[in-house]
Amino acid sequence: TMIDLITSPQQAEFGLAERDAPPGFCRRCDVRFACHGG
């Protein structure tokens, strides 16, 4: 089912990567809260 695929651990990991994967230079930026790394 689509809902099972959407709520899968794989998709959850994909969504969190936007927050967790940027390099340190990005995470330390004073405007990161505004762009979130793009």
PDB file of all heavy atoms in Angstrom:
ATOM      1  N   THR A   1       0.831  -1.201   0.000  1.00  0.00           N
ATOM      2  CA  THR A   1       0.000   0.000   0.000  1.00  0.00           C
ATOM      3  C   THR A   1       0.870   1.256   0.000  1.00  0.00           C
ATOM      4  O   THR A   1       1.981   1.268   0.539  1.00  0.00           O
ATOM      5  CB  THR A   1      -0.926   0.041   1.230  1.00  0.00           C
ATOM      6  OG1 THR A   1      -0.145   0.166   2.401  1.00  0.00           O
ATOM      7  CG2 THR A   1      -1.779  -1.217   1.304  1.00  0.00           C
ATOM      8  N   MET A   2       0.334   2.324  -0.590  1.00  0.00           N
ATOM      9  CA  MET A   2       1.090   3.562  -0.680  1.00  0.00           C
ATOM     10  C   MET A   2       1.409   4.108   0.715  1.00  0.00           C
ATOM     11  O   MET A   2       2.518   4.603   0.953  1.00  0.00           O
ATOM     12  CB  MET A   2       0.307   4.610  -1.481  1.00  0.00           C
ATOM     13  CG  MET A   2       1.083   5.901  -1.694  1.00  0.00           C
ATOM     14  SD  MET A   2       0.179   7.147  -2.647  1.00  0.00           S
ATOM     15  CE  MET A   2       0.131   6.381  -4.262  1.00  0.00           C
ATOM     16  N   ILE A   3       0.470   4.024   1.643  1.00  0.00           N
ATOM     17  CA  ILE A   3       0.710   4.560   2.979  1.00  0.00           C
ATOM     18  C   ILE A   3       1.842   3.818   3.670  1.00  0.00           C
ATOM     19  O   ILE A   3       2.651   4.411   4.403  1.00  0.00           O
ATOM     20  CB  ILE A   3      -0.580   4.536   3.844  1.00  0.00           C
ATOM     21  CG1 ILE A   3      -0.371   5.329   5.141  1.00  0.00           C
ATOM     22  CG2 ILE A   3      -1.010   3.104   4.131  1.00  0.00           C
ATOM     23  CD1 ILE A   3      -0.101   6.791   4.930  1.00  0.00           C
ATOM     24  N   ASP A   4       1.952   2.512   3.430  1.00  0.00           N
ATOM     25  CA  ASP A   4       3.051   1.743   4.026  1.00  0.00           C
ATOM     26  C   ASP A   4       4.390   2.168   3.434  1.00  0.00           C
ATOM     27  O   ASP A   4       5.401   2.227   4.153  1.00  0.00           O
ATOM     28  CB  ASP A   4       2.843   0.242   3.807  1.00  0.00           C
ATOM     29  CG  ASP A   4       1.783  -0.348   4.727  1.00  0.00           C
ATOM     30  OD1 ASP A   4       1.493   0.287   5.761  1.00  0.00           O
ATOM     31  OD2 ASP A   4       1.250  -1.426   4.408  1.00  0.00           O
ATOM     32  N   LEU A   5       4.408   2.478   2.151  1.00  0.00           N
ATOM     33  CA  LEU A   5       5.640   2.919   1.507  1.00  0.00           C
ATOM     34  C   LEU A   5       6.032   4.315   1.998  1.00  0.00           C
ATOM     35  O   LEU A   5       7.202   4.598   2.249  1.00  0.00           O
ATOM     36  CB  LEU A   5       5.475   2.919  -0.020  1.00  0.00           C
ATOM     37  CG  LEU A   5       5.271   1.549  -0.679  1.00  0.00           C
ATOM     38  CD1 LEU A   5       4.961   1.722  -2.166  1.00  0.00           C
ATOM     39  CD2 LEU A   5       6.502   0.670  -0.497  1.00  0.00           C
ATOM     40  N   ILE A   6       5.034   5.186   2.127  1.00  0.00           N
ATOM     41  CA  ILE A   6       5.312   6.562   2.557  1.00  0.00           C
ATOM     42  C   ILE A   6       5.826   6.605   3.993  1.00  0.00           C
ATOM     43  O   ILE A   6       6.681   7.436   4.335  1.00  0.00           O
ATOM     44  CB  ILE A   6       4.038   7.419   2.415  1.00  0.00           C
ATOM     45  CG1 ILE A   6       3.689   7.594   0.936  1.00  0.00           C
ATOM     46  CG2 ILE A   6       4.215   8.784   3.077  1.00  0.00           C
ATOM     47  CD1 ILE A   6       2.370   8.283   0.691  1.00  0.00           C
ATOM     48  N   THR A   7       5.322   5.700   4.840  1.00  0.00           N
ATOM     49  CA  THR A   7       5.728   5.696   6.254  1.00  0.00           C
ATOM     50  C   THR A   7       6.869   4.717   6.529  1.00  0.00           C
ATOM     51  O   THR A   7       7.175   4.442   7.690  1.00  0.00           O
ATOM     52  CB  THR A   7       4.528   5.343   7.147  1.00  0.00           C
ATOM     53  OG1 THR A   7       3.999   4.055   6.750  1.00  0.00           O
ATOM     54  CG2 THR A   7       3.431   6.396   7.031  1.00  0.00           C
ATOM     55  N   SER A   8       7.508   4.250   5.489  1.00  0.00           N
ATOM     56  CA  SER A   8       8.597   3.283   5.657  1.00  0.00           C
ATOM     57  C   SER A   8       9.836   3.926   6.267  1.00  0.00           C
ATOM     58  O   SER A   8      10.052   5.142   6.139  1.00  0.00           O
ATOM     59  CB  SER A   8       8.963   2.674   4.301  1.00  0.00           C
ATOM     60  OG  SER A   8       9.535   3.674   3.455  1.00  0.00           O
ATOM     61  N   PRO A   9      10.684   3.146   6.938  1.00  0.00           N
ATOM     62  CA  PRO A   9      11.948   3.682   7.471  1.00  0.00           C
ATOM     63  C   PRO A   9      12.813   4.312   6.382  1.00  0.00           C
ATOM     64  O   PRO A   9      13.513   5.300   6.636  1.00  0.00           O
ATOM     65  CB  PRO A   9      12.616   2.449   8.076  1.00  0.00           C
ATOM     66  CG  PRO A   9      11.475   1.547   8.440  1.00  0.00           C
ATOM     67  CD  PRO A   9      10.474   1.737   7.330  1.00  0.00           C
ATOM     68  N   GLN A  10      12.771   3.763   5.178  1.00  0.00           N
ATOM     69  CA  GLN A  10      13.564   4.324   4.079  1.00  0.00           C
ATOM     70  C   GLN A  10      13.152   5.759   3.776  1.00  0.00           C
ATOM     71  O   GLN A  10      14.003   6.637   3.591  1.00  0.00           O
ATOM     72  CB  GLN A  10      13.409   3.463   2.813  1.00  0.00           C
ATOM     73  CG  GLN A  10      14.200   3.987   1.618  1.00  0.00           C
ATOM     74  CD  GLN A  10      13.980   3.167   0.358  1.00  0.00           C
ATOM     75  OE1 GLN A  10      13.440   2.062   0.403  1.00  0.00           O
ATOM     76  NE2 GLN A  10      14.390   3.691  -0.783  1.00  0.00           N
ATOM     77  N   GLN A  11      11.850   6.006   3.741  1.00  0.00           N
ATOM     78  CA  GLN A  11      11.377   7.359   3.457  1.00  0.00           C
ATOM     79  C   GLN A  11      11.650   8.308   4.629  1.00  0.00           C
ATOM     80  O   GLN A  11      11.976   9.478   4.427  1.00  0.00           O
ATOM     81  CB  GLN A  11       9.886   7.345   3.121  1.00  0.00           C
ATOM     82  CG  GLN A  11       9.320   8.694   2.732  1.00  0.00           C
ATOM     83  CD  GLN A  11       9.934   9.274   1.458  1.00  0.00           C
ATOM     84  OE1 GLN A  11      10.762   8.641   0.798  1.00  0.00           O
ATOM     85  NE2 GLN A  11       9.542  10.483   1.100  1.00  0.00           N
ATOM     86  N   ALA A  12      11.524   7.810   5.836  1.00  0.00           N
ATOM     87  CA  ALA A  12      11.828   8.636   7.004  1.00  0.00           C
ATOM     88  C   ALA A  12      13.294   9.054   6.993  1.00  0.00           C
ATOM     89  O   ALA A  12      13.627  10.219   7.260  1.00  0.00           O
ATOM     90  CB  ALA A  12      11.510   7.864   8.278  1.00  0.00           C
ATOM     91  N   GLU A  13      14.172   8.123   6.641  1.00  0.00           N
ATOM     92  CA  GLU A  13      15.604   8.431   6.561  1.00  0.00           C
ATOM     93  C   GLU A  13      15.877   9.453   5.463  1.00  0.00           C
ATOM     94  O   GLU A  13      16.689  10.371   5.629  1.00  0.00           O
ATOM     95  CB  GLU A  13      16.390   7.150   6.299  1.00  0.00           C
ATOM     96  CG  GLU A  13      17.895   7.348   6.250  1.00  0.00           C
ATOM     97  CD  GLU A  13      18.643   6.043   5.994  1.00  0.00           C
ATOM     98  OE1 GLU A  13      18.001   4.966   5.999  1.00  0.00           O
ATOM     99  OE2 GLU A  13      19.865   6.109   5.773  1.00  0.00           O
ATOM    100  N   PHE A  14      15.180   9.315   4.330  1.00  0.00           N
ATOM    101  CA  PHE A  14      15.337  10.264   3.237  1.00  0.00           C
ATOM    102  C   PHE A  14      14.956  11.670   3.686  1.00  0.00           C
ATOM    103  O   PHE A  14      15.661  12.648   3.416  1.00  0.00           O
ATOM    104  CB  PHE A  14      14.465   9.841   2.052  1.00  0.00           C
ATOM    105  CG  PHE A  14      14.481  10.816   0.904  1.00  0.00           C
ATOM    106  CD1 PHE A  14      15.444  10.727  -0.093  1.00  0.00           C
ATOM    107  CD2 PHE A  14      13.532  11.838   0.817  1.00  0.00           C
ATOM    108  CE1 PHE A  14      15.473  11.637  -1.139  1.00  0.00           C
ATOM    109  CE2 PHE A  14      13.557  12.754  -0.223  1.00  0.00           C
ATOM    110  CZ  PHE A  14      14.529  12.643  -1.210  1.00  0.00           C
ATOM    111  N   GLY A  15      13.835  11.794   4.382  1.00  0.00           N
ATOM    112  CA  GLY A  15      13.367  13.102   4.818  1.00  0.00           C
ATOM    113  C   GLY A  15      14.286  13.765   5.827  1.00  0.00           C
ATOM    114  O   GLY A  15      14.476  14.983   5.800  1.00  0.00           O
ATOM    115  N   LEU A  16      14.879  12.975   6.708  1.00  0.00           N
ATOM    116  CA  LEU A  16      15.762  13.518   7.735  1.00  0.00           C
ATOM    117  C   LEU A  16      17.127  13.915   7.183  1.00  0.00           C
ATOM    118  O   LEU A  16      17.839  14.713   7.798  1.00  0.00           O
ATOM    119  CB  LEU A  16      15.939  12.502   8.860  1.00  0.00           C
ATOM    120  CG  LEU A  16      14.702  12.238   9.721  1.00  0.00           C
ATOM    121  CD1 LEU A  16      14.967  11.096  10.688  1.00  0.00           C
ATOM    122  CD2 LEU A  16      14.305  13.497  10.494  1.00  0.00           C
ATOM    123  N   ALA A  17      17.485  13.371   6.022  1.00  0.00           N
ATOM    124  CA  ALA A  17      18.798  13.653   5.439  1.00  0.00           C
ATOM    125  C   ALA A  17      18.958  15.129   5.104  1.00  0.00           C
ATOM    126  O   ALA A  17      20.070  15.663   5.150  1.00  0.00           O
ATOM    127  CB  ALA A  17      19.014  12.806   4.188  1.00  0.00           C
ATOM    128  N   GLU A  18      17.858  15.813   4.768  1.00  0.00           N
ATOM    129  CA  GLU A  18      17.961  17.240   4.471  1.00  0.00           C
ATOM    130  C   GLU A  18      18.497  17.993   5.684  1.00  0.00           C
ATOM    131  O   GLU A  18      19.282  18.942   5.541  1.00  0.00           O
ATOM    132  CB  GLU A  18      16.603  17.812   4.061  1.00  0.00           C
ATOM    133  CG  GLU A  18      16.677  19.305   3.731  1.00  0.00           C
ATOM    134  CD  GLU A  18      15.402  19.848   3.103  1.00  0.00           C
ATOM    135  OE1 GLU A  18      14.379  19.142   3.101  1.00  0.00           O
ATOM    136  OE2 GLU A  18      15.445  20.984   2.608  1.00  0.00           O
ATOM    137  N   ARG A  19      18.104  17.582   6.866  1.00  0.00           N
ATOM    138  CA  ARG A  19      18.554  18.235   8.091  1.00  0.00           C
ATOM    139  C   ARG A  19      19.924  17.748   8.550  1.00  0.00           C
ATOM    140  O   ARG A  19      20.751  18.529   9.027  1.00  0.00           O
ATOM    141  CB  ARG A  19      17.534  17.954   9.209  1.00  0.00           C
ATOM    142  CG  ARG A  19      17.868  18.582  10.547  1.00  0.00           C
ATOM    143  CD  ARG A  19      16.990  18.003  11.651  1.00  0.00           C
ATOM    144  NE  ARG A  19      17.304  16.596  11.887  1.00  0.00           N
ATOM    145  CZ  ARG A  19      16.534  15.781  12.622  1.00  0.00           C
ATOM    146  NH1 ARG A  19      15.408  16.228  13.149  1.00  0.00           N
ATOM    147  NH2 ARG A  19      16.887  14.519  12.799  1.00  0.00           N
ATOM    148  N   ASP A  20      20.165  16.441   8.394  1.00  0.00           N
ATOM    149  CA  ASP A  20      21.339  15.833   9.018  1.00  0.00           C
ATOM    150  C   ASP A  20      22.566  15.704   8.121  1.00  0.00           C
ATOM    151  O   ASP A  20      23.676  15.528   8.636  1.00  0.00           O
ATOM    152  CB  ASP A  20      20.967  14.437   9.541  1.00  0.00           C
ATOM    153  CG  ASP A  20      19.859  14.475  10.577  1.00  0.00           C
ATOM    154  OD1 ASP A  20      19.686  15.546  11.212  1.00  0.00           O
ATOM    155  OD2 ASP A  20      19.158  13.463  10.735  1.00  0.00           O
ATOM    156  N   ALA A  21      22.389  15.783   6.784  1.00  0.00           N
ATOM    157  CA  ALA A  21      23.494  15.490   5.882  1.00  0.00           C
ATOM    158  C   ALA A  21      24.382  16.664   5.479  1.00  0.00           C
ATOM    159  O   ALA A  21      25.474  16.440   4.970  1.00  0.00           O
ATOM    160  CB  ALA A  21      22.949  14.810   4.612  1.00  0.00           C
ATOM    161  N   PRO A  22      23.979  17.933   5.638  1.00  0.00           N
ATOM    162  CA  PRO A  22      24.839  19.028   5.178  1.00  0.00           C
ATOM    163  C   PRO A  22      26.207  19.015   5.844  1.00  0.00           C
ATOM    164  O   PRO A  22      26.343  18.551   6.983  1.00  0.00           O
ATOM    165  CB  PRO A  22      24.057  20.289   5.567  1.00  0.00           C
ATOM    166  CG  PRO A  22      22.647  19.852   5.659  1.00  0.00           C
ATOM    167  CD  PRO A  22      22.706  18.448   6.190  1.00  0.00           C
ATOM    168  N   PRO A  23      27.225  19.524   5.171  1.00  0.00           N
ATOM    169  CA  PRO A  23      28.563  19.587   5.768  1.00  0.00           C
ATOM    170  C   PRO A  23      28.606  20.568   6.942  1.00  0.00           C
ATOM    171  O   PRO A  23      27.705  21.394   7.116  1.00  0.00           O
ATOM    172  CB  PRO A  23      29.446  20.070   4.603  1.00  0.00           C
ATOM    173  CG  PRO A  23      28.500  20.783   3.687  1.00  0.00           C
ATOM    174  CD  PRO A  23      27.198  20.056   3.793  1.00  0.00           C
ATOM    175  N   GLY A  24      29.668  20.472   7.727  1.00  0.00           N
ATOM    176  CA  GLY A  24      29.802  21.320   8.905  1.00  0.00           C
ATOM    177  C   GLY A  24      29.756  22.797   8.585  1.00  0.00           C
ATOM    178  O   GLY A  24      29.207  23.599   9.344  1.00  0.00           O
ATOM    179  N   PHE A  25      30.314  23.197   7.450  1.00  0.00           N
ATOM    180  CA  PHE A  25      30.306  24.592   7.032  1.00  0.00           C
ATOM    181  C   PHE A  25      28.879  25.113   6.941  1.00  0.00           C
ATOM    182  O   PHE A  25      28.593  26.251   7.336  1.00  0.00           O
ATOM    183  CB  PHE A  25      31.000  24.719   5.673  1.00  0.00           C
ATOM    184  CG  PHE A  25      31.008  26.106   5.085  1.00  0.00           C
ATOM    185  CD1 PHE A  25      31.959  27.035   5.472  1.00  0.00           C
ATOM    186  CD2 PHE A  25      30.060  26.472   4.132  1.00  0.00           C
ATOM    187  CE1 PHE A  25      31.973  28.314   4.927  1.00  0.00           C
ATOM    188  CE2 PHE A  25      30.062  27.749   3.583  1.00  0.00           C
ATOM    189  CZ  PHE A  25      31.018  28.660   3.986  1.00  0.00           C
ATOM    190  N   CYS A  26      27.985  24.285   6.455  1.00  0.00           N
ATOM    191  CA  CYS A  26      26.575  24.654   6.321  1.00  0.00           C
ATOM    192  C   CYS A  26      25.895  24.673   7.689  1.00  0.00           C
ATOM    193  O   CYS A  26      25.161  25.605   8.021  1.00  0.00           O
ATOM    194  CB  CYS A  26      25.875  23.664   5.389  1.00  0.00           C
ATOM    195  SG  CYS A  26      24.101  23.943   5.186  1.00  0.00           S
ATOM    196  N   ARG A  27      26.154  23.664   8.503  1.00  0.00           N
ATOM    197  CA  ARG A  27      25.492  23.572   9.807  1.00  0.00           C
ATOM    198  C   ARG A  27      25.880  24.717  10.733  1.00  0.00           C
ATOM    199  O   ARG A  27      25.116  25.083  11.622  1.00  0.00           O
ATOM    200  CB  ARG A  27      25.792  22.220  10.456  1.00  0.00           C
ATOM    201  CG  ARG A  27      25.193  21.030   9.720  1.00  0.00           C
ATOM    202  CD  ARG A  27      25.201  19.787  10.592  1.00  0.00           C
ATOM    203  NE  ARG A  27      26.542  19.389  10.973  1.00  0.00           N
ATOM    204  CZ  ARG A  27      27.316  18.573  10.264  1.00  0.00           C
ATOM    205  NH1 ARG A  27      26.877  18.094   9.098  1.00  0.00           N
ATOM    206  NH2 ARG A  27      28.517  18.242  10.687  1.00  0.00           N
ATOM    207  N   ARG A  28      27.053  25.292  10.517  1.00  0.00           N
ATOM    208  CA  ARG A  28      27.510  26.393  11.372  1.00  0.00           C
ATOM    209  C   ARG A  28      27.091  27.765  10.850  1.00  0.00           C
ATOM    210  O   ARG A  28      27.333  28.785  11.499  1.00  0.00           O
ATOM    211  CB  ARG A  28      29.040  26.361  11.493  1.00  0.00           C
ATOM    212  CG  ARG A  28      29.591  25.156  12.235  1.00  0.00           C
ATOM    213  CD  ARG A  28      31.078  25.287  12.476  1.00  0.00           C
ATOM    214  NE  ARG A  28      31.844  25.317  11.233  1.00  0.00           N
ATOM    215  CZ  ARG A  28      32.333  24.240  10.606  1.00  0.00           C
ATOM    216  NH1 ARG A  28      32.119  23.040  11.128  1.00  0.00           N
ATOM    217  NH2 ARG A  28      33.014  24.363   9.493  1.00  0.00           N
ATOM    218  N   CYS A  29      26.441  27.820   9.714  1.00  0.00           N
ATOM    219  CA  CYS A  29      26.079  29.083   9.068  1.00  0.00           C
ATOM    220  C   CYS A  29      25.001  29.820   9.868  1.00  0.00           C
ATOM    221  O   CYS A  29      24.058  29.208  10.376  1.00  0.00           O
ATOM    222  CB  CYS A  29      25.581  28.812   7.652  1.00  0.00           C
ATOM    223  SG  CYS A  29      25.066  30.301   6.754  1.00  0.00           S
ATOM    224  N   ASP A  30      25.140  31.146   9.945  1.00  0.00           N
ATOM    225  CA  ASP A  30      24.182  31.921  10.749  1.00  0.00           C
ATOM    226  C   ASP A  30      22.842  32.130  10.063  1.00  0.00           C
ATOM    227  O   ASP A  30      21.914  32.667  10.676  1.00  0.00           O
ATOM    228  CB  ASP A  30      24.783  33.260  11.162  1.00  0.00           C
ATOM    229  CG  ASP A  30      25.086  34.165   9.975  1.00  0.00           C
ATOM    230  OD1 ASP A  30      25.009  33.697   8.824  1.00  0.00           O
ATOM    231  OD2 ASP A  30      25.400  35.344  10.196  1.00  0.00           O
ATOM    232  N   VAL A  31      22.702  31.727   8.803  1.00  0.00           N
ATOM    233  CA  VAL A  31      21.395  31.808   8.147  1.00  0.00           C
ATOM    234  C   VAL A  31      20.881  30.422   7.754  1.00  0.00           C
ATOM    235  O   VAL A  31      19.944  30.304   6.976  1.00  0.00           O
ATOM    236  CB  VAL A  31      21.416  32.735   6.907  1.00  0.00           C
ATOM    237  CG1 VAL A  31      21.671  34.174   7.316  1.00  0.00           C
ATOM    238  CG2 VAL A  31      22.422  32.273   5.868  1.00  0.00           C
ATOM    239  N   ARG A  32      21.465  29.400   8.317  1.00  0.00           N
ATOM    240  CA  ARG A  32      21.007  28.059   7.971  1.00  0.00           C
ATOM    241  C   ARG A  32      19.539  27.850   8.326  1.00  0.00           C
ATOM    242  O   ARG A  32      18.795  27.154   7.644  1.00  0.00           O
ATOM    243  CB  ARG A  32      21.862  26.998   8.675  1.00  0.00           C
ATOM    244  CG  ARG A  32      21.533  25.597   8.143  1.00  0.00           C
ATOM    245  CD  ARG A  32      22.009  24.500   9.038  1.00  0.00           C
ATOM    246  NE  ARG A  32      21.469  23.224   8.552  1.00  0.00           N
ATOM    247  CZ  ARG A  32      21.436  22.124   9.268  1.00  0.00           C
ATOM    248  NH1 ARG A  32      21.909  22.128  10.492  1.00  0.00           N
ATOM    249  NH2 ARG A  32      20.914  21.023   8.779  1.00  0.00           N
ATOM    250  N   PHE A  33      19.093  28.468   9.427  1.00  0.00           N
ATOM    251  CA  PHE A  33      17.691  28.330   9.837  1.00  0.00           C
ATOM    252  C   PHE A  33      16.737  28.853   8.772  1.00  0.00           C
ATOM    253  O   PHE A  33      15.562  28.486   8.739  1.00  0.00           O
ATOM    254  CB  PHE A  33      17.446  29.094  11.147  1.00  0.00           C
ATOM    255  CG  PHE A  33      17.444  30.583  10.974  1.00  0.00           C
ATOM    256  CD1 PHE A  33      16.270  31.270  10.730  1.00  0.00           C
ATOM    257  CD2 PHE A  33      18.633  31.300  11.009  1.00  0.00           C
ATOM    258  CE1 PHE A  33      16.273  32.649  10.549  1.00  0.00           C
ATOM    259  CE2 PHE A  33      18.642  32.673  10.839  1.00  0.00           C
ATOM    260  CZ  PHE A  33      17.463  33.351  10.605  1.00  0.00           C
ATOM    261  N   ALA A  34      17.235  29.719   7.888  1.00  0.00           N
ATOM    262  CA  ALA A  34      16.388  30.311   6.852  1.00  0.00           C
ATOM    263  C   ALA A  34      16.389  29.479   5.573  1.00  0.00           C
ATOM    264  O   ALA A  34      15.357  29.353   4.915  1.00  0.00           O
ATOM    265  CB  ALA A  34      16.845  31.728   6.543  1.00  0.00           C
ATOM    266  N   CYS A  35      17.523  28.909   5.212  1.00  0.00           N
ATOM    267  CA  CYS A  35      17.575  28.133   3.962  1.00  0.00           C
ATOM    268  C   CYS A  35      17.581  26.634   4.207  1.00  0.00           C
ATOM    269  O   CYS A  35      17.241  25.857   3.323  1.00  0.00           O
ATOM    270  CB  CYS A  35      18.800  28.528   3.135  1.00  0.00           C
ATOM    271  SG  CYS A  35      20.363  27.799   3.676  1.00  0.00           S
ATOM    272  N   HIS A  36      18.001  26.197   5.406  1.00  0.00           N
ATOM    273  CA  HIS A  36      18.084  24.778   5.759  1.00  0.00           C
ATOM    274  C   HIS A  36      18.939  23.984   4.781  1.00  0.00           C
ATOM    275  O   HIS A  36      18.684  22.797   4.538  1.00  0.00           O
ATOM    276  CB  HIS A  36      16.689  24.168   5.888  1.00  0.00           C
ATOM    277  CG  HIS A  36      15.959  24.624   7.120  1.00  0.00           C
ATOM    278  ND1 HIS A  36      16.384  24.329   8.407  1.00  0.00           N
ATOM    279  CD2 HIS A  36      14.854  25.392   7.265  1.00  0.00           C
ATOM    280  CE1 HIS A  36      15.567  24.872   9.278  1.00  0.00           C
ATOM    281  NE2 HIS A  36      14.630  25.532   8.624  1.00  0.00           N
ATOM    282  N   GLY A  37      19.922  24.656   4.207  1.00  0.00           N
ATOM    283  CA  GLY A  37      20.846  23.946   3.328  1.00  0.00           C
ATOM    284  C   GLY A  37      20.371  23.754   1.908  1.00  0.00           C
ATOM    285  O   GLY A  37      21.107  23.247   1.073  1.00  0.00           O
ATOM    286  N   GLY A  38      19.128  24.139   1.626  1.00  0.00           N
ATOM    287  CA  GLY A  38      18.599  23.974   0.276  1.00  0.00           C
ATOM    288  C   GLY A  38      18.316  22.523  -0.067  1.00  0.00           C
ATOM    289  O   GLY A  38      18.577  21.605   0.720  1.00  0.00           O
TER     290      GLY A  38
END
